[in-house]
């Protein structure tokens, strides 16, 4: 796909991987809009990188519906949706609080579903589109303390499989991306320690991989791929 002039909407686009994807797509000539809940920060980042922005919480149905509607009203169509918004909470099973589990699912699972549903309605009508879900290698293999986060990414992977099967006949490419550890503020927000080293992934590597996948001719696509650091130790 030639990315020049394509219309891209990125959830959770003001930080980390989402911001890196926005910058990479802008460099390819896309019209990019980032979304998030913190308007002041969102507006500052959008201005800095040259993107548009829409304020909303993907986990709230009214916000998700309004975000996609406003995007299409502004740009006439939607060519790319990147479901990047997400966060984690980590605790042993015996200490897991239901409201914390529910909050993770509200964004990582329900938010991705709501945004995908709204975008897919336009994709089907257009007869084209690209849906990219940002998952995690934690969605391939669970680990201790990761009940909420890993299971939310397992759920996202399952939904992606369903959407891919449904939408391929409408010329819609549905892709799942599984980053391994990336140096962002994700760990800090989740209350986890993260040691920064030069060998660990940055958001740029994930963004570069996504751009490469999108640029494959529309007759083909990569259904799922993981991105690992070569030697993170």
Protein backbone atom coordinates (compact mmCIF):
# COMPACT_ATOMS: atom_id res chain seq x y z
CA UNK A 1 0.00 0.00 0.00
CA UNK A 2 1.20 3.47 -0.82
CA UNK A 3 0.92 5.35 2.47
CA UNK A 4 1.00 8.84 0.95
CA UNK A 5 -2.23 10.63 1.86
CA UNK A 6 -3.71 7.70 3.78
CA UNK A 7 -5.87 8.59 6.80
CA UNK A 8 -4.67 7.02 10.05
CA UNK A 9 -6.19 7.04 13.54
CA UNK A 10 -4.01 5.92 16.46
CA UNK A 11 -5.40 5.32 19.94
CA UNK A 12 -3.07 6.01 22.84
CA UNK A 13 -1.00 8.02 20.41
CA UNK A 14 0.56 10.61 22.69
CA UNK A 15 3.20 8.40 24.33
CA UNK A 16 5.48 5.42 23.81
CA UNK A 17 4.71 3.04 20.99
CA UNK A 18 1.65 4.98 19.85
CA UNK A 19 3.59 8.21 19.46
CA UNK A 20 6.38 6.40 17.60
CA UNK A 21 3.84 4.92 15.18
CA UNK A 22 2.30 8.36 14.63
CA UNK A 23 5.69 9.90 13.84
CA UNK A 24 6.57 7.05 11.45
CA UNK A 25 3.28 7.28 9.56
CA UNK A 26 3.57 11.06 9.30
CA UNK A 27 7.02 10.60 7.77
CA UNK A 28 5.41 8.35 5.13
CA UNK A 29 2.93 11.08 4.18
CA UNK A 30 -0.13 9.88 6.12
CA UNK A 31 -2.67 12.22 7.64
CA UNK A 32 -2.52 11.17 11.29
CA UNK A 33 -4.82 11.77 14.24
CA UNK A 34 -3.90 10.62 17.75
CA UNK A 35 -6.37 9.98 20.55
CA UNK A 36 -6.14 9.89 24.32
CA UNK A 37 -7.81 11.01 27.53
CA UNK A 38 -5.43 13.78 28.67
CA UNK A 39 -6.31 16.75 26.47
CA UNK A 40 -3.49 19.08 27.48
CA UNK A 41 -0.80 16.46 26.92
CA UNK A 42 -2.47 15.18 23.75
CA UNK A 43 -2.65 18.68 22.26
CA UNK A 44 1.00 19.36 23.11
CA UNK A 45 2.23 16.13 21.49
CA UNK A 46 0.01 16.58 18.43
CA UNK A 47 1.38 20.06 17.87
CA UNK A 48 4.96 18.89 18.37
CA UNK A 49 4.78 16.05 15.82
CA UNK A 50 2.35 17.66 13.36
CA UNK A 51 -0.67 15.41 13.91
CA UNK A 52 -4.31 16.09 14.64
CA UNK A 53 -5.90 14.93 17.87
CA UNK A 54 -9.24 13.85 19.29
CA UNK A 55 -9.91 13.55 23.02
CA UNK A 56 -11.73 10.45 24.22
CA UNK A 57 -11.68 7.30 26.33
CA UNK A 58 -11.77 4.21 24.12
CA UNK A 59 -13.33 2.23 26.97
CA UNK A 60 -16.47 4.39 26.86
CA UNK A 61 -18.79 3.47 24.01
CA UNK A 62 -20.01 7.02 23.41
CA UNK A 63 -16.42 8.28 23.17
CA UNK A 64 -15.36 5.53 20.78
CA UNK A 65 -18.35 6.12 18.51
CA UNK A 66 -17.79 9.89 18.54
CA UNK A 67 -14.05 9.58 17.89
CA UNK A 68 -14.41 7.52 14.73
CA UNK A 69 -17.36 9.61 13.53
CA UNK A 70 -15.41 12.86 14.00
CA UNK A 71 -12.36 11.40 12.29
CA UNK A 72 -14.36 10.36 9.22
CA UNK A 73 -16.22 13.68 9.18
CA UNK A 74 -12.88 15.49 9.12
CA UNK A 75 -11.03 13.26 6.65
CA UNK A 76 -13.77 11.70 4.51
CA UNK A 77 -12.63 8.13 5.17
CA UNK A 78 -10.45 5.99 7.43
CA UNK A 79 -7.67 3.86 5.95
CA UNK A 80 -5.78 2.77 9.07
CA UNK A 81 -6.83 2.19 12.67
CA UNK A 82 -4.08 1.37 15.16
CA UNK A 83 -5.54 0.03 18.40
CA UNK A 84 -2.64 0.92 20.67
CA UNK A 85 -4.31 2.22 23.85
CA UNK A 86 -3.62 -0.10 26.75
CA UNK A 87 -2.15 -0.46 30.21
CA UNK A 88 -1.29 -3.13 32.73
CA UNK A 89 -1.85 -4.06 36.35
CA UNK A 90 0.24 -6.78 37.93
CA UNK A 91 -0.55 -8.74 41.10
CA UNK A 92 -0.69 -12.35 42.30
CA UNK A 93 -4.03 -14.07 41.82
CA UNK A 94 -4.76 -14.11 45.57
CA UNK A 95 -4.28 -10.32 45.72
CA UNK A 96 -6.02 -9.40 42.46
CA UNK A 97 -8.83 -6.90 42.91
CA UNK A 98 -11.78 -7.20 40.57
CA UNK A 99 -11.98 -3.48 39.83
CA UNK A 100 -8.33 -3.48 38.70
CA UNK A 101 -8.95 -6.45 36.39
CA UNK A 102 -12.08 -4.79 35.04
CA UNK A 103 -10.23 -1.54 34.36
CA UNK A 104 -7.56 -3.31 32.31
CA UNK A 105 -10.22 -5.08 30.27
CA UNK A 106 -12.16 -1.84 29.84
CA UNK A 107 -9.29 -0.38 27.82
CA UNK A 108 -7.32 -3.31 26.43
CA UNK A 109 -10.27 -5.47 25.36
CA UNK A 110 -13.52 -3.50 25.30
CA UNK A 111 -11.83 -0.33 24.03
CA UNK A 112 -10.14 -2.21 21.19
CA UNK A 113 -13.47 -3.86 20.33
CA UNK A 114 -15.39 -0.58 20.28
CA UNK A 115 -12.86 1.23 18.10
CA UNK A 116 -12.53 -1.76 15.75
CA UNK A 117 -16.28 -2.08 15.39
CA UNK A 118 -16.74 1.57 14.48
CA UNK A 119 -13.83 1.60 12.04
CA UNK A 120 -14.84 -1.73 10.48
CA UNK A 121 -18.23 -0.35 9.52
CA UNK A 122 -16.43 2.20 7.35
CA UNK A 123 -13.88 -0.33 6.09
CA UNK A 124 -16.66 -2.62 4.86
CA UNK A 125 -18.47 0.25 3.17
CA UNK A 126 -15.23 1.43 1.52
CA UNK A 127 -14.16 -2.06 0.53
CA UNK A 128 -10.72 -1.48 2.05
CA UNK A 129 -8.96 -0.75 5.32
CA UNK A 130 -6.19 -1.72 7.71
CA UNK A 131 -6.81 -2.68 11.33
CA UNK A 132 -3.68 -3.04 13.47
CA UNK A 133 -4.02 -4.28 17.04
CA UNK A 134 -1.05 -3.77 19.34
CA UNK A 135 -0.87 -6.78 21.63
CA UNK A 136 2.19 -8.13 23.47
CA UNK A 137 4.33 -11.21 23.77
CA UNK A 138 2.50 -11.48 27.11
CA UNK A 139 -0.49 -12.46 24.99
CA UNK A 140 1.43 -15.51 23.78
CA UNK A 141 2.58 -16.84 27.13
CA UNK A 142 1.30 -15.95 30.59
CA UNK A 143 3.44 -15.39 33.64
CA UNK A 144 3.17 -14.95 37.38
CA UNK A 145 1.41 -11.79 38.46
CA UNK A 146 0.12 -11.13 34.94
CA UNK A 147 -3.48 -12.32 35.27
CA UNK A 148 -4.98 -9.00 34.16
CA UNK A 149 -2.54 -7.91 31.49
CA UNK A 150 -1.72 -11.24 29.84
CA UNK A 151 -5.32 -12.41 29.75
CA UNK A 152 -6.42 -9.11 28.20
CA UNK A 153 -3.88 -9.61 25.43
CA UNK A 154 -4.93 -13.24 24.94
CA UNK A 155 -8.47 -11.90 24.51
CA UNK A 156 -7.30 -9.30 22.01
CA UNK A 157 -5.52 -12.00 20.03
CA UNK A 158 -8.68 -14.09 19.91
CA UNK A 159 -10.81 -11.15 18.78
CA UNK A 160 -8.24 -10.32 16.12
CA UNK A 161 -8.52 -13.84 14.69
CA UNK A 162 -12.29 -13.44 14.47
CA UNK A 163 -12.14 -10.01 12.85
CA UNK A 164 -9.52 -11.16 10.35
CA UNK A 165 -11.76 -13.99 9.18
CA UNK A 166 -14.77 -11.69 8.90
CA UNK A 167 -13.10 -8.77 7.16
CA UNK A 168 -10.75 -10.38 4.64
CA UNK A 169 -13.61 -10.81 2.16
CA UNK A 170 -14.04 -7.02 2.25
CA UNK A 171 -10.36 -6.41 1.36
CA UNK A 172 -9.60 -5.37 4.93
CA UNK A 173 -6.23 -6.36 6.35
CA UNK A 174 -6.27 -7.21 10.06
CA UNK A 175 -2.89 -7.50 11.76
CA UNK A 176 -1.73 -8.30 15.29
CA UNK A 177 1.60 -6.98 16.58
CA UNK A 178 3.28 -8.53 19.63
CA UNK A 179 6.08 -6.32 20.99
CA UNK A 180 8.33 -7.76 23.64
CA UNK A 181 9.72 -5.40 26.30
CA UNK A 182 9.90 -1.81 25.02
CA UNK A 183 11.38 1.13 26.91
CA UNK A 184 8.33 3.33 27.55
CA UNK A 185 6.54 4.63 30.64
CA UNK A 186 4.29 1.54 30.58
CA UNK A 187 6.21 -0.23 33.36
CA UNK A 188 6.29 2.83 35.60
CA UNK A 189 2.56 3.34 35.25
CA UNK A 190 1.98 -0.32 36.06
CA UNK A 191 4.16 -0.09 39.16
CA UNK A 192 6.97 -2.24 37.78
CA UNK A 193 10.71 -1.66 37.72
CA UNK A 194 12.32 -1.41 34.30
CA UNK A 195 16.05 -1.28 33.72
CA UNK A 196 16.99 0.83 30.73
CA UNK A 197 19.78 -0.51 28.53
CA UNK A 198 20.91 0.36 25.03
CA UNK A 199 20.00 -3.15 23.86
CA UNK A 200 16.30 -2.95 24.70
CA UNK A 201 13.64 -2.05 22.16
CA UNK A 202 12.31 1.46 21.67
CA UNK A 203 8.98 2.36 20.15
CA UNK A 204 10.75 3.14 16.87
CA UNK A 205 11.42 -0.53 16.17
CA UNK A 206 7.75 -1.37 16.55
CA UNK A 207 6.77 1.56 14.36
CA UNK A 208 9.26 0.60 11.64
CA UNK A 209 7.91 -2.97 11.59
CA UNK A 210 4.33 -1.70 11.25
CA UNK A 211 5.23 0.66 8.41
CA UNK A 212 6.92 -2.22 6.61
CA UNK A 213 3.87 -4.43 7.04
CA UNK A 214 1.53 -1.73 5.76
CA UNK A 215 3.65 -1.07 2.67
CA UNK A 216 3.20 -4.62 1.37
CA UNK A 217 0.99 -4.55 -1.72
CA UNK A 218 -2.70 -4.72 -0.82
CA UNK A 219 -3.03 -8.20 -2.32
CA UNK A 220 -1.17 -9.57 0.71
CA UNK A 221 -0.62 -8.91 4.39
CA UNK A 222 1.12 -10.23 7.51
CA UNK A 223 -1.57 -11.57 9.87
CA UNK A 224 0.59 -11.52 13.01
CA UNK A 225 4.19 -10.82 14.00
CA UNK A 226 6.29 -10.38 17.11
CA UNK A 227 9.18 -7.99 17.64
CA UNK A 228 11.96 -9.05 19.98
CA UNK A 229 15.18 -7.35 21.04
CA UNK A 230 18.15 -9.20 19.59
CA UNK A 231 20.04 -9.27 22.90
CA UNK A 232 18.27 -7.34 25.68
CA UNK A 233 20.59 -8.52 28.46
